[in-house]
Amino acid sequence: MCLNFMAPIATQLAYDVGVIDSMTPLITGGGFQQTQVVIIGLLGKLFSGF
């Protein structure tokens, strides 16, 4: 249930920081730990310029 809720949010975040392009389907994961890895990776990419 959480992964279904987070898919559009994670996809938009990845698009905003330039990890994916607009043609990429929704990002989903198989478990909570995989979702955490995606979010941490995206945040690292977002803040890597600081």
N, C-alpha and C. Protein backbone atom coordinates (compact mmCIF):
# COMPACT_ATOMS: atom_id res chain seq x y z
N MET A 1 0.83 -1.19 0.00
CA MET A 1 0.00 0.00 0.00
C MET A 1 0.88 1.26 0.00
N CYS A 2 1.90 1.27 0.84
CA CYS A 2 2.79 2.43 0.91
C CYS A 2 3.50 2.66 -0.42
N LEU A 3 3.89 1.57 -1.09
CA LEU A 3 4.60 1.71 -2.36
C LEU A 3 3.70 2.31 -3.43
N ASN A 4 2.41 1.96 -3.42
CA ASN A 4 1.47 2.55 -4.37
C ASN A 4 1.32 4.04 -4.12
N PHE A 5 1.32 4.44 -2.86
CA PHE A 5 1.19 5.85 -2.51
C PHE A 5 2.45 6.63 -2.88
N MET A 6 3.61 6.03 -2.71
CA MET A 6 4.88 6.71 -2.92
C MET A 6 5.32 6.75 -4.39
N ALA A 7 4.76 5.90 -5.26
CA ALA A 7 5.22 5.82 -6.65
C ALA A 7 5.18 7.16 -7.38
N PRO A 8 4.07 7.90 -7.37
CA PRO A 8 4.08 9.18 -8.08
C PRO A 8 5.02 10.21 -7.45
N ILE A 9 5.15 10.18 -6.14
CA ILE A 9 6.02 11.12 -5.43
C ILE A 9 7.48 10.84 -5.77
N ALA A 10 7.88 9.56 -5.70
CA ALA A 10 9.26 9.18 -6.01
C ALA A 10 9.58 9.46 -7.47
N THR A 11 8.62 9.22 -8.36
CA THR A 11 8.85 9.48 -9.78
C THR A 11 9.02 10.97 -10.04
N GLN A 12 8.20 11.79 -9.45
CA GLN A 12 8.32 13.24 -9.65
C GLN A 12 9.63 13.76 -9.08
N LEU A 13 10.04 13.26 -7.91
CA LEU A 13 11.30 13.68 -7.32
C LEU A 13 12.47 13.30 -8.22
N ALA A 14 12.45 12.08 -8.75
CA ALA A 14 13.53 11.65 -9.65
C ALA A 14 13.56 12.50 -10.91
N TYR A 15 12.41 12.84 -11.43
CA TYR A 15 12.34 13.70 -12.62
C TYR A 15 12.88 15.10 -12.31
N ASP A 16 12.49 15.64 -11.16
CA ASP A 16 12.90 17.00 -10.78
C ASP A 16 14.41 17.14 -10.62
N VAL A 17 15.07 16.10 -10.12
CA VAL A 17 16.52 16.19 -9.92
C VAL A 17 17.30 15.68 -11.13
N GLY A 18 16.60 15.25 -12.17
CA GLY A 18 17.26 14.86 -13.41
C GLY A 18 17.75 13.43 -13.49
N VAL A 19 17.28 12.57 -12.61
CA VAL A 19 17.71 11.17 -12.65
C VAL A 19 17.00 10.42 -13.77
N ILE A 20 15.77 10.79 -14.07
CA ILE A 20 14.99 10.16 -15.14
C ILE A 20 14.45 11.22 -16.06
N ASP A 21 13.95 10.79 -17.22
CA ASP A 21 13.31 11.74 -18.13
C ASP A 21 11.80 11.55 -18.07
N SER A 22 11.08 12.37 -18.80
CA SER A 22 9.62 12.37 -18.72
C SER A 22 8.98 11.12 -19.31
N MET A 23 9.74 10.31 -20.03
CA MET A 23 9.19 9.09 -20.63
C MET A 23 9.26 7.88 -19.70
N THR A 24 9.86 8.03 -18.53
CA THR A 24 10.01 6.93 -17.59
C THR A 24 8.68 6.65 -16.90
N PRO A 25 8.28 5.37 -16.81
CA PRO A 25 7.04 5.05 -16.08
C PRO A 25 7.24 5.27 -14.58
N LEU A 26 6.21 5.06 -13.81
CA LEU A 26 6.28 5.25 -12.36
C LEU A 26 7.36 4.39 -11.73
N ILE A 27 8.07 4.97 -10.77
CA ILE A 27 9.06 4.23 -9.99
C ILE A 27 8.32 3.48 -8.89
N THR A 28 8.56 2.19 -8.81
CA THR A 28 7.97 1.38 -7.74
C THR A 28 9.07 0.52 -7.15
N GLY A 29 8.80 -0.09 -6.02
CA GLY A 29 9.76 -0.97 -5.39
C GLY A 29 9.07 -2.21 -4.87
N GLY A 30 9.86 -3.19 -4.50
CA GLY A 30 9.30 -4.44 -4.02
C GLY A 30 9.17 -4.50 -2.51
N GLY A 31 9.71 -3.52 -1.81
CA GLY A 31 9.65 -3.53 -0.37
C GLY A 31 10.04 -2.18 0.19
N PHE A 32 9.84 -2.00 1.47
CA PHE A 32 10.11 -0.70 2.10
C PHE A 32 11.58 -0.35 2.05
N GLN A 33 12.46 -1.34 2.23
CA GLN A 33 13.90 -1.04 2.19
C GLN A 33 14.32 -0.56 0.82
N GLN A 34 13.76 -1.13 -0.24
CA GLN A 34 14.10 -0.67 -1.58
C GLN A 34 13.61 0.74 -1.81
N THR A 35 12.46 1.09 -1.26
CA THR A 35 11.94 2.45 -1.37
C THR A 35 12.87 3.43 -0.67
N GLN A 36 13.38 3.03 0.49
CA GLN A 36 14.32 3.89 1.22
C GLN A 36 15.58 4.12 0.40
N VAL A 37 16.09 3.11 -0.26
CA VAL A 37 17.30 3.24 -1.06
C VAL A 37 17.08 4.21 -2.21
N VAL A 38 15.92 4.12 -2.86
CA VAL A 38 15.60 5.04 -3.96
C VAL A 38 15.55 6.47 -3.45
N ILE A 39 14.87 6.70 -2.33
CA ILE A 39 14.72 8.05 -1.78
C ILE A 39 16.07 8.60 -1.34
N ILE A 40 16.88 7.79 -0.67
CA ILE A 40 18.20 8.25 -0.23
C ILE A 40 19.08 8.57 -1.44
N GLY A 41 19.03 7.74 -2.47
CA GLY A 41 19.80 8.01 -3.67
C GLY A 41 19.38 9.29 -4.35
N LEU A 42 18.08 9.54 -4.42
CA LEU A 42 17.58 10.76 -5.04
C LEU A 42 17.95 12.00 -4.23
N LEU A 43 17.86 11.88 -2.91
CA LEU A 43 18.25 13.01 -2.06
C LEU A 43 19.75 13.29 -2.20
N GLY A 44 20.55 12.24 -2.29
CA GLY A 44 21.99 12.43 -2.50
C GLY A 44 22.28 13.14 -3.81
N LYS A 45 21.56 12.75 -4.86
CA LYS A 45 21.73 13.40 -6.16
C LYS A 45 21.28 14.86 -6.09
N LEU A 46 20.20 15.12 -5.38
CA LEU A 46 19.67 16.47 -5.25
C LEU A 46 20.64 17.40 -4.53
N PHE A 47 21.26 16.91 -3.45
CA PHE A 47 22.12 17.74 -2.63
C PHE A 47 23.60 17.58 -2.92
N SER A 48 23.96 16.90 -4.00
CA SER A 48 25.37 16.65 -4.29
C SER A 48 26.13 17.93 -4.67
N GLY A 49 25.43 18.97 -5.03
CA GLY A 49 26.08 20.23 -5.40
C GLY A 49 26.46 21.08 -4.21
N PHE A 50 26.05 20.69 -3.01
CA PHE A 50 26.34 21.52 -1.83
C PHE A 50 27.58 21.08 -1.13
